[in-house]
Each structure stands twice: as structure tokens, then as C-alpha cells.
N, C-alpha and C. Protein backbone atom coordinates (compact mmCIF):
# COMPACT_ATOMS: atom_id res chain seq x y z
N MET A 1 38.95 5.73 46.93
CA MET A 1 38.84 6.79 45.97
C MET A 1 38.63 6.23 44.57
N LEU A 2 39.31 5.15 44.26
CA LEU A 2 39.18 4.52 42.97
C LEU A 2 37.77 3.97 42.78
N THR A 3 37.18 3.45 43.83
CA THR A 3 35.83 2.90 43.72
C THR A 3 34.81 4.00 43.46
N THR A 4 35.00 5.17 44.04
CA THR A 4 34.09 6.29 43.80
C THR A 4 34.20 6.73 42.34
N ALA A 5 35.39 6.79 41.82
CA ALA A 5 35.58 7.18 40.42
C ALA A 5 34.98 6.14 39.49
N LEU A 6 35.13 4.87 39.84
CA LEU A 6 34.53 3.81 39.01
C LEU A 6 33.01 3.87 39.07
N ARG A 7 32.45 4.14 40.23
CA ARG A 7 30.99 4.26 40.35
C ARG A 7 30.47 5.44 39.53
N GLN A 8 31.19 6.56 39.61
CA GLN A 8 30.78 7.73 38.84
C GLN A 8 30.88 7.46 37.34
N ALA A 9 31.94 6.80 36.92
CA ALA A 9 32.11 6.47 35.50
C ALA A 9 31.02 5.51 35.05
N ALA A 10 30.69 4.54 35.88
CA ALA A 10 29.63 3.59 35.54
C ALA A 10 28.28 4.30 35.46
N ALA A 11 28.04 5.23 36.38
CA ALA A 11 26.78 5.98 36.37
C ALA A 11 26.68 6.84 35.11
N VAL A 12 27.78 7.50 34.76
CA VAL A 12 27.80 8.33 33.55
C VAL A 12 27.57 7.45 32.32
N ALA A 13 28.22 6.31 32.27
CA ALA A 13 28.06 5.40 31.13
C ALA A 13 26.62 4.91 31.04
N LEU A 14 26.02 4.60 32.19
CA LEU A 14 24.63 4.13 32.22
C LEU A 14 23.69 5.23 31.72
N VAL A 15 23.88 6.46 32.20
CA VAL A 15 23.03 7.57 31.78
C VAL A 15 23.20 7.84 30.28
N LEU A 16 24.42 7.82 29.80
CA LEU A 16 24.67 8.04 28.38
C LEU A 16 24.05 6.91 27.54
N GLY A 17 24.19 5.69 28.02
CA GLY A 17 23.61 4.55 27.30
C GLY A 17 22.09 4.63 27.22
N LEU A 18 21.46 4.97 28.35
CA LEU A 18 19.99 5.07 28.37
C LEU A 18 19.51 6.25 27.52
N SER A 19 20.21 7.38 27.62
CA SER A 19 19.77 8.53 26.82
C SER A 19 19.99 8.26 25.33
N GLY A 20 21.05 7.57 24.99
CA GLY A 20 21.28 7.21 23.58
C GLY A 20 20.20 6.27 23.07
N THR A 21 19.77 5.34 23.92
CA THR A 21 18.71 4.42 23.54
C THR A 21 17.40 5.17 23.34
N CYS A 22 17.11 6.09 24.24
CA CYS A 22 15.87 6.88 24.12
C CYS A 22 15.87 7.74 22.87
N LEU A 23 17.01 8.34 22.57
CA LEU A 23 17.09 9.20 21.40
C LEU A 23 17.07 8.40 20.10
N ALA A 24 17.49 7.15 20.15
CA ALA A 24 17.53 6.33 18.94
C ALA A 24 16.15 5.84 18.54
N GLN A 25 15.18 5.90 19.43
CA GLN A 25 13.83 5.45 19.11
C GLN A 25 13.17 6.49 18.21
N THR A 26 12.89 6.10 17.01
CA THR A 26 12.25 7.01 16.07
C THR A 26 10.96 6.40 15.57
N THR A 27 10.16 7.19 14.97
CA THR A 27 8.92 6.72 14.37
C THR A 27 9.26 5.99 13.08
N PRO A 28 8.73 4.78 12.90
CA PRO A 28 9.03 4.06 11.66
C PRO A 28 8.46 4.81 10.46
N SER A 29 9.18 4.74 9.38
CA SER A 29 8.70 5.41 8.17
C SER A 29 7.52 4.61 7.62
N PRO A 30 6.58 5.29 6.98
CA PRO A 30 5.43 4.58 6.43
C PRO A 30 5.86 3.68 5.29
N GLY A 31 5.07 2.67 5.05
CA GLY A 31 5.36 1.74 3.96
C GLY A 31 5.18 2.42 2.62
N PRO A 32 5.25 1.64 1.56
CA PRO A 32 5.09 2.23 0.23
C PRO A 32 3.73 2.89 0.11
N THR A 33 3.72 4.05 -0.48
CA THR A 33 2.46 4.77 -0.62
C THR A 33 1.90 4.53 -2.01
N VAL A 34 0.61 4.40 -2.05
CA VAL A 34 -0.11 4.18 -3.30
C VAL A 34 -1.03 5.37 -3.51
N PRO A 35 -1.04 5.93 -4.69
CA PRO A 35 -1.95 7.05 -4.90
C PRO A 35 -3.39 6.65 -4.60
N GLN A 36 -4.08 7.53 -3.94
CA GLN A 36 -5.47 7.25 -3.58
C GLN A 36 -6.33 7.35 -4.84
N LYS A 37 -6.91 6.24 -5.21
CA LYS A 37 -7.84 6.23 -6.34
C LYS A 37 -9.18 5.79 -5.78
N SER A 38 -10.17 6.58 -5.99
CA SER A 38 -11.48 6.19 -5.51
C SER A 38 -12.16 5.35 -6.59
N LEU A 39 -12.89 4.36 -6.13
CA LEU A 39 -13.63 3.53 -7.06
C LEU A 39 -14.81 4.33 -7.60
N PRO A 40 -15.15 4.09 -8.86
CA PRO A 40 -16.29 4.83 -9.40
C PRO A 40 -17.58 4.41 -8.69
N VAL A 41 -18.29 5.37 -8.17
CA VAL A 41 -19.55 5.09 -7.48
C VAL A 41 -20.67 5.59 -8.37
N PRO A 42 -21.60 4.70 -8.70
CA PRO A 42 -22.68 5.14 -9.57
C PRO A 42 -23.59 6.14 -8.86
N LYS A 43 -24.12 7.07 -9.63
CA LYS A 43 -25.08 8.03 -9.09
C LYS A 43 -26.42 7.32 -8.93
N PRO A 44 -27.28 7.85 -8.11
CA PRO A 44 -28.59 7.22 -7.94
C PRO A 44 -29.29 7.06 -9.30
N GLY A 45 -29.78 5.88 -9.54
CA GLY A 45 -30.46 5.57 -10.80
C GLY A 45 -29.56 4.99 -11.85
N GLU A 46 -28.22 5.10 -11.69
CA GLU A 46 -27.29 4.52 -12.66
C GLU A 46 -26.96 3.10 -12.24
N SER A 47 -26.61 2.29 -13.22
CA SER A 47 -26.17 0.94 -12.90
C SER A 47 -24.64 0.91 -12.94
N MET A 48 -24.07 0.08 -12.09
CA MET A 48 -22.61 -0.01 -12.03
C MET A 48 -22.14 -0.97 -13.12
N ILE A 49 -21.10 -0.58 -13.83
CA ILE A 49 -20.53 -1.44 -14.86
C ILE A 49 -19.40 -2.23 -14.23
N ILE A 50 -19.51 -3.54 -14.31
CA ILE A 50 -18.50 -4.42 -13.73
C ILE A 50 -17.62 -4.92 -14.87
N ASN A 51 -16.35 -5.08 -14.59
CA ASN A 51 -15.40 -5.55 -15.61
C ASN A 51 -15.81 -6.92 -16.13
N PRO A 52 -15.41 -7.24 -17.37
CA PRO A 52 -15.73 -8.55 -17.94
C PRO A 52 -15.03 -9.68 -17.17
N THR A 53 -15.65 -10.85 -17.18
CA THR A 53 -15.06 -12.02 -16.53
C THR A 53 -14.05 -12.66 -17.47
N ARG A 54 -13.30 -13.62 -16.96
CA ARG A 54 -12.33 -14.34 -17.80
C ARG A 54 -13.03 -15.05 -18.96
N GLU A 55 -14.18 -15.61 -18.66
CA GLU A 55 -14.93 -16.32 -19.71
C GLU A 55 -15.37 -15.35 -20.80
N GLU A 56 -15.82 -14.16 -20.41
CA GLU A 56 -16.23 -13.16 -21.40
C GLU A 56 -15.03 -12.70 -22.23
N CYS A 57 -13.86 -12.57 -21.58
CA CYS A 57 -12.67 -12.17 -22.32
C CYS A 57 -12.27 -13.26 -23.32
N LYS A 58 -12.38 -14.53 -22.90
CA LYS A 58 -12.05 -15.63 -23.81
C LYS A 58 -13.01 -15.68 -24.99
N ALA A 59 -14.28 -15.36 -24.74
CA ALA A 59 -15.28 -15.39 -25.82
C ALA A 59 -15.08 -14.23 -26.79
N GLY A 60 -14.49 -13.11 -26.29
CA GLY A 60 -14.24 -11.97 -27.16
C GLY A 60 -15.37 -10.97 -27.16
N TRP A 61 -15.05 -9.79 -27.66
CA TRP A 61 -16.03 -8.71 -27.71
C TRP A 61 -17.00 -8.94 -28.84
N ARG A 62 -18.24 -8.53 -28.62
CA ARG A 62 -19.26 -8.57 -29.66
C ARG A 62 -20.21 -7.41 -29.43
N PRO A 63 -20.85 -6.93 -30.46
CA PRO A 63 -21.80 -5.82 -30.29
C PRO A 63 -22.90 -6.22 -29.30
N GLY A 64 -23.34 -5.27 -28.54
CA GLY A 64 -24.40 -5.53 -27.57
C GLY A 64 -23.87 -5.69 -26.15
N LEU A 65 -22.55 -5.82 -26.00
CA LEU A 65 -21.98 -5.90 -24.65
C LEU A 65 -22.04 -4.51 -24.02
N ARG A 66 -21.94 -4.46 -22.71
CA ARG A 66 -22.05 -3.17 -22.02
C ARG A 66 -20.77 -2.35 -22.07
N TRP A 67 -19.72 -2.86 -22.69
CA TRP A 67 -18.46 -2.13 -22.82
C TRP A 67 -18.22 -1.81 -24.29
N THR A 68 -17.51 -0.72 -24.52
CA THR A 68 -17.07 -0.46 -25.88
C THR A 68 -15.93 -1.43 -26.18
N LYS A 69 -15.55 -1.56 -27.43
CA LYS A 69 -14.46 -2.45 -27.82
C LYS A 69 -13.17 -2.06 -27.10
N GLN A 70 -12.91 -0.74 -27.02
CA GLN A 70 -11.69 -0.26 -26.37
C GLN A 70 -11.70 -0.58 -24.88
N GLU A 71 -12.84 -0.35 -24.21
CA GLU A 71 -12.95 -0.66 -22.77
C GLU A 71 -12.77 -2.16 -22.53
N PHE A 72 -13.41 -2.96 -23.37
CA PHE A 72 -13.34 -4.41 -23.23
C PHE A 72 -11.90 -4.89 -23.39
N ASP A 73 -11.22 -4.40 -24.44
CA ASP A 73 -9.83 -4.80 -24.65
C ASP A 73 -8.93 -4.36 -23.50
N LYS A 74 -9.17 -3.15 -23.00
CA LYS A 74 -8.37 -2.62 -21.89
C LYS A 74 -8.55 -3.48 -20.64
N HIS A 75 -9.80 -3.79 -20.28
CA HIS A 75 -10.07 -4.60 -19.09
C HIS A 75 -9.50 -6.01 -19.23
N CYS A 76 -9.65 -6.60 -20.38
CA CYS A 76 -9.13 -7.95 -20.59
C CYS A 76 -7.60 -7.97 -20.57
N ALA A 77 -6.97 -6.94 -21.13
CA ALA A 77 -5.51 -6.86 -21.10
C ALA A 77 -5.02 -6.71 -19.66
N GLN A 78 -5.70 -5.88 -18.86
CA GLN A 78 -5.32 -5.71 -17.46
C GLN A 78 -5.50 -7.03 -16.68
N MET A 79 -6.53 -7.78 -17.01
CA MET A 79 -6.77 -9.05 -16.33
C MET A 79 -5.65 -10.04 -16.65
N GLU A 80 -5.20 -10.04 -17.91
CA GLU A 80 -4.11 -10.93 -18.31
C GLU A 80 -2.83 -10.57 -17.59
N ILE A 81 -2.57 -9.27 -17.46
CA ILE A 81 -1.35 -8.81 -16.78
C ILE A 81 -1.38 -9.19 -15.30
N SER A 82 -2.55 -9.11 -14.69
CA SER A 82 -2.66 -9.35 -13.25
C SER A 82 -2.69 -10.82 -12.86
N LYS A 83 -2.64 -11.71 -13.82
CA LYS A 83 -2.69 -13.16 -13.50
C LYS A 83 -1.57 -13.58 -12.61
């Protein structure tokens, strides 16, 4: 009689353990989310403006460049930060 009770207790423990394991499986949470920013895509016929290089930033802004002074300073400052 004791062996039957032990078998039943073991079976109940096994079922509870397996069901607890199944219920504990959850979907992992997604990693850090970054706001979706689309890259600027030029329209047909437009040329794409590429950020200044390190050498251009070291040389400094001058009239005739394809960026305004504010754009040039902003891009160069971001490049310095991202080093």
C-alpha cells in the first residue's frame, strides 16, 4: 500500500514538475528598440549629399562646399562624438 502511495505521489510530482516547466517557457522580450529612421533617399535626378570626411572636417568649412556652415558643423560634431 505504501508503494502505491509513493508511486502516485511521484507521478503527481512529475506531472506538476513538467507542467510547471512548460508554463515557465515564455517568449523572450525583444532587445532594446531604436526608433525607425529612414535614410534620406534622393528623388530621381537629385544627387545624394554625403557627410564630410574626417579630412574635410579637419580642413574646416569654406564657401563652395556642398553643405551649409551649420550642416558642416553638425556633421563634424557628430563624427567627433562617435569616435
